[in-house]
Amino acid sequence: MIRKVVAIGPESTGKSLLCEQLAHHYQTNWVREYAREYLLRYGTHYNFNDLLTIARGQLQLEDEGLQEARKDIIFLDTNMQVMKVWSEFVFNACHQWILDRITERRYDLYLLCNPDIDWVSDELREYPDLESRTNLYHIYRDLLINQSTPWVEIRGEDSKRTATAIEAIDRLL
């Protein structure tokens, strides 16, 4: 059985870096965020239906990553919960298809990345203000509190974030 660990949280909270570091530590692979690839290819002016395309692409990457997993653990830099939050935050709605995938897919641990690190600008990020990032963080936190999969908050500087994640993952394994 492959354990699936998902990094979630607002933009620019170190999710990709954390997944990469954890994959290196555990000598396995990680699944990147499809939205970045999609938006770099098609542009940042997306609509509600583009999010459904992005969600499908994300699940395809997840399935491919599971097929290629080198160990009994894999790290995911987003999942359908993130798609749901983003959809509702930006468009005040979410496709039923995304909601259905949330109920079908199972994960073993969530790593909730706190926005307590500096914002790093790039061409795809939309909400640099701390108020939006904090609001999104609380949406993710509420979501995790109200579900049964274990989760841990990731906060502090880089080495502390990684150490907290490794400690939680080691308990899982």
N, C-alpha and C. Protein backbone atom coordinates (compact mmCIF):
# COMPACT_ATOMS: atom_id res chain seq x y z
N MET A 1 0.84 -1.19 0.00
CA MET A 1 0.00 0.00 0.00
C MET A 1 0.88 1.25 0.00
N ILE A 2 0.58 2.15 -0.88
CA ILE A 2 1.33 3.41 -0.96
C ILE A 2 0.62 4.46 -0.12
N ARG A 3 1.35 5.05 0.80
CA ARG A 3 0.81 6.14 1.63
C ARG A 3 0.88 7.43 0.83
N LYS A 4 -0.22 8.19 0.88
CA LYS A 4 -0.31 9.44 0.14
C LYS A 4 -0.34 10.61 1.13
N VAL A 5 0.67 11.47 1.01
CA VAL A 5 0.78 12.65 1.88
C VAL A 5 0.60 13.88 1.00
N VAL A 6 -0.34 14.74 1.39
CA VAL A 6 -0.70 15.91 0.59
C VAL A 6 -0.30 17.20 1.31
N ALA A 7 0.40 18.07 0.59
CA ALA A 7 0.68 19.42 1.10
C ALA A 7 -0.42 20.34 0.59
N ILE A 8 -1.05 21.04 1.51
CA ILE A 8 -2.08 22.01 1.12
C ILE A 8 -1.84 23.31 1.86
N GLY A 9 -2.48 24.36 1.37
CA GLY A 9 -2.37 25.67 1.99
C GLY A 9 -2.40 26.75 0.93
N PRO A 10 -2.35 28.00 1.36
CA PRO A 10 -2.37 29.12 0.43
C PRO A 10 -1.15 29.14 -0.49
N GLU A 11 -1.20 30.01 -1.47
CA GLU A 11 -0.07 30.22 -2.38
C GLU A 11 1.16 30.65 -1.58
N SER A 12 2.32 30.29 -2.10
CA SER A 12 3.61 30.74 -1.58
C SER A 12 3.79 30.40 -0.10
N THR A 13 3.43 29.16 0.24
CA THR A 13 3.66 28.69 1.61
C THR A 13 4.63 27.52 1.63
N GLY A 14 5.33 27.30 0.56
CA GLY A 14 6.39 26.30 0.52
C GLY A 14 5.96 24.88 0.25
N LYS A 15 4.79 24.69 -0.33
CA LYS A 15 4.28 23.33 -0.57
C LYS A 15 5.17 22.54 -1.53
N SER A 16 5.52 23.15 -2.64
CA SER A 16 6.34 22.45 -3.65
C SER A 16 7.72 22.12 -3.09
N LEU A 17 8.34 23.08 -2.46
CA LEU A 17 9.66 22.85 -1.88
C LEU A 17 9.59 21.75 -0.82
N LEU A 18 8.56 21.78 0.01
CA LEU A 18 8.40 20.76 1.04
C LEU A 18 8.24 19.38 0.42
N CYS A 19 7.41 19.26 -0.59
CA CYS A 19 7.22 17.96 -1.26
C CYS A 19 8.53 17.47 -1.86
N GLU A 20 9.25 18.37 -2.49
CA GLU A 20 10.53 17.99 -3.09
C GLU A 20 11.51 17.51 -2.02
N GLN A 21 11.60 18.24 -0.91
CA GLN A 21 12.51 17.85 0.18
C GLN A 21 12.12 16.52 0.79
N LEU A 22 10.83 16.32 0.98
CA LEU A 22 10.36 15.06 1.58
C LEU A 22 10.59 13.88 0.63
N ALA A 23 10.36 14.09 -0.64
CA ALA A 23 10.60 13.02 -1.61
C ALA A 23 12.08 12.64 -1.60
N HIS A 24 12.94 13.63 -1.50
CA HIS A 24 14.37 13.35 -1.43
C HIS A 24 14.71 12.60 -0.14
N HIS A 25 14.17 13.06 0.97
CA HIS A 25 14.43 12.42 2.27
C HIS A 25 14.00 10.95 2.28
N TYR A 26 12.81 10.68 1.75
CA TYR A 26 12.26 9.32 1.76
C TYR A 26 12.60 8.54 0.49
N GLN A 27 13.38 9.13 -0.38
CA GLN A 27 13.83 8.51 -1.63
C GLN A 27 12.66 7.98 -2.46
N THR A 28 11.73 8.85 -2.69
CA THR A 28 10.57 8.51 -3.51
C THR A 28 10.26 9.68 -4.43
N ASN A 29 9.12 9.67 -5.05
CA ASN A 29 8.75 10.75 -5.95
C ASN A 29 7.65 11.61 -5.36
N TRP A 30 7.40 12.73 -6.02
CA TRP A 30 6.32 13.63 -5.62
C TRP A 30 5.59 14.08 -6.87
N VAL A 31 4.35 14.46 -6.68
CA VAL A 31 3.49 14.88 -7.79
C VAL A 31 3.37 16.40 -7.75
N ARG A 32 3.77 17.03 -8.83
CA ARG A 32 3.74 18.49 -8.92
C ARG A 32 2.30 18.99 -9.07
N GLU A 33 2.17 20.27 -9.00
CA GLU A 33 0.86 20.92 -9.14
C GLU A 33 0.57 21.18 -10.62
N TYR A 34 -0.45 20.52 -11.14
CA TYR A 34 -0.79 20.65 -12.56
C TYR A 34 -1.21 22.07 -12.93
N ALA A 35 -1.82 22.79 -12.03
CA ALA A 35 -2.30 24.14 -12.33
C ALA A 35 -1.17 25.03 -12.83
N ARG A 36 0.01 24.89 -12.25
CA ARG A 36 1.15 25.72 -12.70
C ARG A 36 1.47 25.44 -14.17
N GLU A 37 1.54 24.18 -14.50
CA GLU A 37 1.82 23.76 -15.87
C GLU A 37 0.75 24.30 -16.83
N TYR A 38 -0.50 24.16 -16.45
CA TYR A 38 -1.63 24.58 -17.27
C TYR A 38 -1.60 26.10 -17.48
N LEU A 39 -1.43 26.85 -16.40
CA LEU A 39 -1.46 28.31 -16.51
C LEU A 39 -0.25 28.86 -17.27
N LEU A 40 0.88 28.21 -17.14
CA LEU A 40 2.05 28.64 -17.92
C LEU A 40 1.81 28.42 -19.40
N ARG A 41 1.09 27.38 -19.73
CA ARG A 41 0.82 27.06 -21.14
C ARG A 41 -0.29 27.94 -21.72
N TYR A 42 -1.39 28.11 -20.97
CA TYR A 42 -2.58 28.77 -21.52
C TYR A 42 -2.82 30.19 -21.01
N GLY A 43 -2.04 30.62 -20.05
CA GLY A 43 -2.19 31.98 -19.53
C GLY A 43 -2.96 32.01 -18.22
N THR A 44 -2.86 33.13 -17.57
CA THR A 44 -3.42 33.26 -16.22
C THR A 44 -4.86 33.76 -16.19
N HIS A 45 -5.44 34.03 -17.34
CA HIS A 45 -6.85 34.45 -17.38
C HIS A 45 -7.73 33.22 -17.55
N TYR A 46 -7.99 32.55 -16.45
CA TYR A 46 -8.75 31.31 -16.47
C TYR A 46 -10.19 31.57 -16.04
N ASN A 47 -11.06 30.63 -16.37
CA ASN A 47 -12.45 30.74 -15.98
C ASN A 47 -12.85 29.52 -15.16
N PHE A 48 -14.08 29.50 -14.73
CA PHE A 48 -14.60 28.44 -13.87
C PHE A 48 -14.40 27.06 -14.50
N ASN A 49 -14.68 26.93 -15.80
CA ASN A 49 -14.54 25.63 -16.45
C ASN A 49 -13.09 25.19 -16.61
N ASP A 50 -12.16 26.15 -16.67
CA ASP A 50 -10.74 25.79 -16.70
C ASP A 50 -10.35 25.02 -15.43
N LEU A 51 -10.98 25.34 -14.31
CA LEU A 51 -10.65 24.65 -13.07
C LEU A 51 -11.01 23.16 -13.14
N LEU A 52 -12.04 22.84 -13.88
CA LEU A 52 -12.38 21.42 -14.07
C LEU A 52 -11.30 20.72 -14.90
N THR A 53 -10.82 21.39 -15.92
CA THR A 53 -9.73 20.85 -16.74
C THR A 53 -8.47 20.67 -15.88
N ILE A 54 -8.17 21.64 -15.06
CA ILE A 54 -7.01 21.57 -14.18
C ILE A 54 -7.18 20.42 -13.19
N ALA A 55 -8.36 20.26 -12.63
CA ALA A 55 -8.61 19.18 -11.67
C ALA A 55 -8.39 17.82 -12.33
N ARG A 56 -8.88 17.66 -13.53
CA ARG A 56 -8.67 16.38 -14.25
C ARG A 56 -7.19 16.14 -14.52
N GLY A 57 -6.48 17.18 -14.89
CA GLY A 57 -5.05 17.05 -15.11
C GLY A 57 -4.31 16.70 -13.83
N GLN A 58 -4.75 17.27 -12.71
CA GLN A 58 -4.11 16.98 -11.43
C GLN A 58 -4.29 15.50 -11.07
N LEU A 59 -5.48 14.99 -11.25
CA LEU A 59 -5.72 13.58 -10.92
C LEU A 59 -4.96 12.65 -11.86
N GLN A 60 -4.80 13.04 -13.11
CA GLN A 60 -4.00 12.23 -14.02
C GLN A 60 -2.55 12.18 -13.54
N LEU A 61 -2.00 13.33 -13.12
CA LEU A 61 -0.64 13.34 -12.58
C LEU A 61 -0.53 12.50 -11.32
N GLU A 62 -1.55 12.58 -10.48
CA GLU A 62 -1.56 11.78 -9.24
C GLU A 62 -1.54 10.29 -9.57
N ASP A 63 -2.39 9.88 -10.49
CA ASP A 63 -2.44 8.46 -10.86
C ASP A 63 -1.12 7.99 -11.47
N GLU A 64 -0.53 8.83 -12.32
CA GLU A 64 0.76 8.48 -12.91
C GLU A 64 1.84 8.40 -11.83
N GLY A 65 1.80 9.32 -10.88
CA GLY A 65 2.77 9.31 -9.78
C GLY A 65 2.66 8.06 -8.94
N LEU A 66 1.45 7.61 -8.70
CA LEU A 66 1.25 6.37 -7.93
C LEU A 66 1.80 5.17 -8.68
N GLN A 67 1.66 5.16 -10.00
CA GLN A 67 2.20 4.07 -10.82
C GLN A 67 3.72 4.05 -10.76
N GLU A 68 4.33 5.23 -10.64
CA GLU A 68 5.79 5.34 -10.68
C GLU A 68 6.43 5.39 -9.29
N ALA A 69 5.64 5.28 -8.25
CA ALA A 69 6.17 5.42 -6.88
C ALA A 69 7.31 4.45 -6.65
N ARG A 70 8.39 4.98 -6.10
CA ARG A 70 9.59 4.17 -5.88
C ARG A 70 9.61 3.55 -4.49
N LYS A 71 8.77 4.01 -3.61
CA LYS A 71 8.70 3.50 -2.24
C LYS A 71 7.23 3.35 -1.86
N ASP A 72 6.98 3.13 -0.59
CA ASP A 72 5.61 2.95 -0.13
C ASP A 72 4.98 4.27 0.32
N ILE A 73 5.54 5.38 -0.17
CA ILE A 73 5.00 6.70 0.16
C ILE A 73 5.20 7.62 -1.04
N ILE A 74 4.26 8.54 -1.21
CA ILE A 74 4.34 9.54 -2.28
C ILE A 74 3.83 10.85 -1.72
N PHE A 75 4.36 11.94 -2.26
CA PHE A 75 3.98 13.27 -1.80
C PHE A 75 3.25 14.02 -2.92
N LEU A 76 2.16 14.67 -2.56
CA LEU A 76 1.31 15.35 -3.54
C LEU A 76 1.27 16.84 -3.23
N ASP A 77 1.62 17.64 -4.22
CA ASP A 77 1.62 19.09 -4.07
C ASP A 77 0.26 19.64 -4.49
N THR A 78 -0.77 19.16 -3.90
CA THR A 78 -2.16 19.62 -4.04
C THR A 78 -3.06 18.40 -4.24
N ASN A 79 -4.34 18.61 -4.09
CA ASN A 79 -5.34 17.58 -4.42
C ASN A 79 -6.69 18.27 -4.66
N MET A 80 -7.74 17.50 -4.69
CA MET A 80 -9.05 18.06 -5.02
C MET A 80 -9.58 18.99 -3.92
N GLN A 81 -9.13 18.81 -2.70
CA GLN A 81 -9.53 19.75 -1.65
C GLN A 81 -9.05 21.16 -2.01
N VAL A 82 -7.84 21.25 -2.52
CA VAL A 82 -7.29 22.54 -2.94
C VAL A 82 -8.11 23.09 -4.11
N MET A 83 -8.49 22.23 -5.04
CA MET A 83 -9.31 22.68 -6.16
C MET A 83 -10.66 23.21 -5.67
N LYS A 84 -11.22 22.55 -4.70
CA LYS A 84 -12.50 23.00 -4.13
C LYS A 84 -12.36 24.38 -3.48
N VAL A 85 -11.35 24.52 -2.64
CA VAL A 85 -11.14 25.79 -1.95
C VAL A 85 -10.90 26.90 -2.96
N TRP A 86 -10.05 26.64 -3.93
CA TRP A 86 -9.73 27.68 -4.92
C TRP A 86 -10.97 28.04 -5.73
N SER A 87 -11.73 27.05 -6.16
CA SER A 87 -12.95 27.30 -6.92
C SER A 87 -13.91 28.19 -6.14
N GLU A 88 -14.11 27.83 -4.91
CA GLU A 88 -15.06 28.58 -4.09
C GLU A 88 -14.53 29.97 -3.74
N PHE A 89 -13.23 30.09 -3.54
CA PHE A 89 -12.64 31.38 -3.21
C PHE A 89 -12.72 32.35 -4.39
N VAL A 90 -12.44 31.84 -5.57
CA VAL A 90 -12.39 32.70 -6.76
C VAL A 90 -13.76 32.86 -7.41
N PHE A 91 -14.55 31.76 -7.50
CA PHE A 91 -15.80 31.77 -8.26
C PHE A 91 -17.05 31.54 -7.42
N ASN A 92 -16.91 31.33 -6.13
CA ASN A 92 -18.04 31.07 -5.23
C ASN A 92 -18.85 29.85 -5.65
N ALA A 93 -18.19 28.90 -6.28
CA ALA A 93 -18.86 27.66 -6.71
C ALA A 93 -17.78 26.62 -6.97
N CYS A 94 -18.22 25.36 -6.99
CA CYS A 94 -17.30 24.26 -7.29
C CYS A 94 -18.03 23.23 -8.14
N HIS A 95 -17.33 22.72 -9.14
CA HIS A 95 -17.91 21.68 -10.00
C HIS A 95 -18.23 20.43 -9.17
N GLN A 96 -19.37 19.83 -9.45
CA GLN A 96 -19.76 18.60 -8.77
C GLN A 96 -18.73 17.49 -9.00
N TRP A 97 -18.13 17.47 -10.17
CA TRP A 97 -17.12 16.45 -10.48
C TRP A 97 -15.97 16.50 -9.47
N ILE A 98 -15.53 17.69 -9.11
CA ILE A 98 -14.46 17.84 -8.11
C ILE A 98 -14.93 17.34 -6.76
N LEU A 99 -16.15 17.71 -6.38
CA LEU A 99 -16.69 17.26 -5.09
C LEU A 99 -16.82 15.74 -5.04
N ASP A 100 -17.21 15.15 -6.15
CA ASP A 100 -17.31 13.69 -6.21
C ASP A 100 -15.95 13.02 -6.05
N ARG A 101 -14.91 13.61 -6.63
CA ARG A 101 -13.57 13.03 -6.50
C ARG A 101 -13.07 13.13 -5.06
N ILE A 102 -13.46 14.19 -4.36
CA ILE A 102 -13.07 14.33 -2.95
C ILE A 102 -13.61 13.17 -2.14
N THR A 103 -14.85 12.76 -2.41
CA THR A 103 -15.42 11.67 -1.64
C THR A 103 -14.85 10.32 -2.03
N GLU A 104 -14.32 10.20 -3.24
CA GLU A 104 -13.78 8.93 -3.72
C GLU A 104 -12.33 8.69 -3.32
N ARG A 105 -11.54 9.74 -3.29
CA ARG A 105 -10.10 9.61 -3.08
C ARG A 105 -9.77 9.59 -1.59
N ARG A 106 -8.82 8.76 -1.21
CA ARG A 106 -8.37 8.67 0.18
C ARG A 106 -6.90 9.04 0.28
N TYR A 107 -6.58 9.75 1.34
CA TYR A 107 -5.21 10.17 1.61
C TYR A 107 -4.87 9.79 3.04
N ASP A 108 -3.58 9.76 3.33
CA ASP A 108 -3.15 9.28 4.64
C ASP A 108 -2.72 10.39 5.59
N LEU A 109 -2.32 11.53 5.06
CA LEU A 109 -1.87 12.63 5.91
C LEU A 109 -1.89 13.92 5.10
N TYR A 110 -2.34 15.00 5.76
CA TYR A 110 -2.27 16.32 5.17
C TYR A 110 -1.23 17.15 5.91
N LEU A 111 -0.46 17.91 5.16
CA LEU A 111 0.49 18.87 5.70
C LEU A 111 -0.04 20.25 5.38
N LEU A 112 -0.58 20.93 6.37
CA LEU A 112 -1.17 22.26 6.17
C LEU A 112 -0.09 23.32 6.33
N CYS A 113 0.27 23.96 5.24
CA CYS A 113 1.35 24.94 5.24
C CYS A 113 0.83 26.32 5.64
N ASN A 114 1.39 26.84 6.70
CA ASN A 114 1.00 28.13 7.25
C ASN A 114 1.63 29.26 6.42
N PRO A 115 0.92 30.38 6.26
CA PRO A 115 1.47 31.51 5.49
C PRO A 115 2.40 32.38 6.33
N ASP A 116 3.15 31.78 7.24
CA ASP A 116 4.03 32.55 8.12
C ASP A 116 5.43 32.74 7.53
N ILE A 117 5.59 32.45 6.26
CA ILE A 117 6.86 32.71 5.58
C ILE A 117 6.65 33.82 4.56
N ASP A 118 7.74 34.41 4.11
CA ASP A 118 7.65 35.53 3.16
C ASP A 118 7.01 35.09 1.85
N TRP A 119 6.20 35.97 1.33
CA TRP A 119 5.60 35.81 0.01
C TRP A 119 6.70 35.85 -1.05
N VAL A 120 6.66 34.93 -1.99
CA VAL A 120 7.58 34.93 -3.11
C VAL A 120 6.74 35.13 -4.37
N SER A 121 6.96 36.23 -5.03
CA SER A 121 6.18 36.55 -6.21
C SER A 121 6.62 35.70 -7.41
N ASP A 122 5.66 35.30 -8.21
CA ASP A 122 5.93 34.74 -9.53
C ASP A 122 4.75 35.07 -10.43
N GLU A 123 4.87 34.77 -11.69
CA GLU A 123 3.86 35.20 -12.67
C GLU A 123 2.50 34.54 -12.51
N LEU A 124 2.38 33.52 -11.67
CA LEU A 124 1.11 32.80 -11.53
C LEU A 124 0.36 33.11 -10.24
N ARG A 125 1.02 33.63 -9.27
CA ARG A 125 0.39 33.84 -7.95
C ARG A 125 -0.51 35.06 -7.98
N GLU A 126 -1.65 34.93 -7.28
CA GLU A 126 -2.68 35.96 -7.38
C GLU A 126 -2.93 36.76 -6.11
N TYR A 127 -2.62 36.24 -4.94
CA TYR A 127 -3.03 36.89 -3.70
C TYR A 127 -1.83 37.13 -2.78
N PRO A 128 -1.06 38.19 -3.05
CA PRO A 128 0.13 38.45 -2.24
C PRO A 128 -0.17 39.04 -0.86
N ASP A 129 -1.37 39.57 -0.67
CA ASP A 129 -1.67 40.22 0.60
C ASP A 129 -1.87 39.19 1.71
N LEU A 130 -1.37 39.51 2.87
CA LEU A 130 -1.43 38.60 4.02
C LEU A 130 -2.87 38.31 4.43
N GLU A 131 -3.76 39.26 4.26
CA GLU A 131 -5.16 39.04 4.64
C GLU A 131 -5.78 37.89 3.83
N SER A 132 -5.59 37.91 2.52
CA SER A 132 -6.12 36.83 1.67
C SER A 132 -5.45 35.50 2.01
N ARG A 133 -4.14 35.51 2.18
CA ARG A 133 -3.42 34.29 2.50
C ARG A 133 -3.88 33.71 3.83
N THR A 134 -4.09 34.59 4.81
CA THR A 134 -4.55 34.14 6.13
C THR A 134 -5.98 33.61 6.04
N ASN A 135 -6.82 34.28 5.28
CA ASN A 135 -8.19 33.82 5.07
C ASN A 135 -8.20 32.43 4.44
N LEU A 136 -7.40 32.25 3.41
CA LEU A 136 -7.31 30.93 2.76
C LEU A 136 -6.78 29.88 3.72
N TYR A 137 -5.78 30.23 4.50
CA TYR A 137 -5.24 29.30 5.49
C TYR A 137 -6.35 28.80 6.42
N HIS A 138 -7.18 29.72 6.91
CA HIS A 138 -8.26 29.33 7.82
C HIS A 138 -9.32 28.47 7.13
N ILE A 139 -9.55 28.71 5.86
CA ILE A 139 -10.48 27.86 5.11
C ILE A 139 -9.92 26.44 5.05
N TYR A 140 -8.64 26.31 4.72
CA TYR A 140 -8.01 24.98 4.69
C TYR A 140 -8.04 24.33 6.07
N ARG A 141 -7.74 25.09 7.09
CA ARG A 141 -7.71 24.55 8.46
C ARG A 141 -9.10 24.04 8.86
N ASP A 142 -10.12 24.83 8.59
CA ASP A 142 -11.50 24.40 8.90
C ASP A 142 -11.86 23.13 8.15
N LEU A 143 -11.45 23.07 6.90
CA LEU A 143 -11.71 21.89 6.09
C LEU A 143 -11.08 20.65 6.74
N LEU A 144 -9.83 20.78 7.19
CA LEU A 144 -9.12 19.65 7.78
C LEU A 144 -9.69 19.25 9.13
N ILE A 145 -10.10 20.22 9.90
CA ILE A 145 -10.69 19.93 11.22
C ILE A 145 -11.95 19.10 11.06
N ASN A 146 -12.68 19.33 9.98
CA ASN A 146 -13.98 18.69 9.77
C ASN A 146 -13.91 17.44 8.91
N GLN A 147 -12.77 16.77 8.88
CA GLN A 147 -12.66 15.51 8.15
C GLN A 147 -11.81 14.56 8.99
N SER A 148 -11.71 13.31 8.58
CA SER A 148 -11.09 12.30 9.44
C SER A 148 -9.62 11.99 9.16
N THR A 149 -9.08 12.46 8.06
CA THR A 149 -7.67 12.18 7.74
C THR A 149 -6.78 12.98 8.68
N PRO A 150 -5.74 12.35 9.24
CA PRO A 150 -4.82 13.10 10.11
C PRO A 150 -4.16 14.25 9.37
N TRP A 151 -3.81 15.28 10.11
CA TRP A 151 -3.13 16.43 9.51
C TRP A 151 -2.23 17.07 10.55
N VAL A 152 -1.25 17.80 10.06
CA VAL A 152 -0.33 18.52 10.93
C VAL A 152 -0.06 19.88 10.30
N GLU A 153 0.08 20.88 11.16
CA GLU A 153 0.39 22.22 10.67
C GLU A 153 1.89 22.34 10.47
N ILE A 154 2.27 22.92 9.34
CA ILE A 154 3.67 23.15 8.99
C ILE A 154 3.90 24.65 9.07
N ARG A 155 4.80 25.02 9.99
CA ARG A 155 5.06 26.45 10.18
C ARG A 155 6.52 26.67 10.53
N GLY A 156 6.93 27.93 10.50
CA GLY A 156 8.30 28.29 10.86
C GLY A 156 9.22 28.30 9.65
N GLU A 157 10.49 28.44 9.94
CA GLU A 157 11.50 28.47 8.89
C GLU A 157 11.65 27.11 8.22
N ASP A 158 12.35 27.09 7.10
CA ASP A 158 12.46 25.93 6.23
C ASP A 158 12.82 24.64 6.97
N SER A 159 13.87 24.65 7.77
CA SER A 159 14.31 23.42 8.44
C SER A 159 13.28 22.95 9.45
N LYS A 160 12.60 23.86 10.12
CA LYS A 160 11.56 23.48 11.08
C LYS A 160 10.36 22.88 10.36
N ARG A 161 10.02 23.45 9.22
CA ARG A 161 8.89 22.94 8.44
C ARG A 161 9.15 21.49 8.02
N THR A 162 10.35 21.26 7.50
CA THR A 162 10.70 19.92 7.04
C THR A 162 10.74 18.95 8.21
N ALA A 163 11.32 19.36 9.32
CA ALA A 163 11.43 18.48 10.50
C ALA A 163 10.04 18.12 11.04
N THR A 164 9.14 19.08 11.08
CA THR A 164 7.77 18.81 11.54
C THR A 164 7.09 17.80 10.64
N ALA A 165 7.26 17.96 9.34
CA ALA A 165 6.65 17.03 8.38
C ALA A 165 7.24 15.64 8.54
N ILE A 166 8.56 15.54 8.65
CA ILE A 166 9.21 14.23 8.79
C ILE A 166 8.75 13.53 10.06
N GLU A 167 8.64 14.27 11.13
CA GLU A 167 8.16 13.69 12.39
C GLU A 167 6.75 13.11 12.23
N ALA A 168 5.85 13.85 11.58
CA ALA A 168 4.48 13.39 11.37
C ALA A 168 4.45 12.17 10.44
N ILE A 169 5.26 12.20 9.41
CA ILE A 169 5.30 11.09 8.44
C ILE A 169 5.86 9.84 9.09
N ASP A 170 6.90 10.00 9.88
CA ASP A 170 7.49 8.83 10.57
C ASP A 170 6.46 8.18 11.50
N ARG A 171 5.62 8.99 12.14
CA ARG A 171 4.54 8.41 12.98
C ARG A 171 3.54 7.64 12.12
N LEU A 172 3.29 8.15 10.92
CA LEU A 172 2.36 7.51 10.00
C LEU A 172 2.90 6.17 9.53
N LEU A 173 4.19 6.12 9.25
CA LEU A 173 4.80 4.90 8.72
C LEU A 173 4.98 3.89 9.83
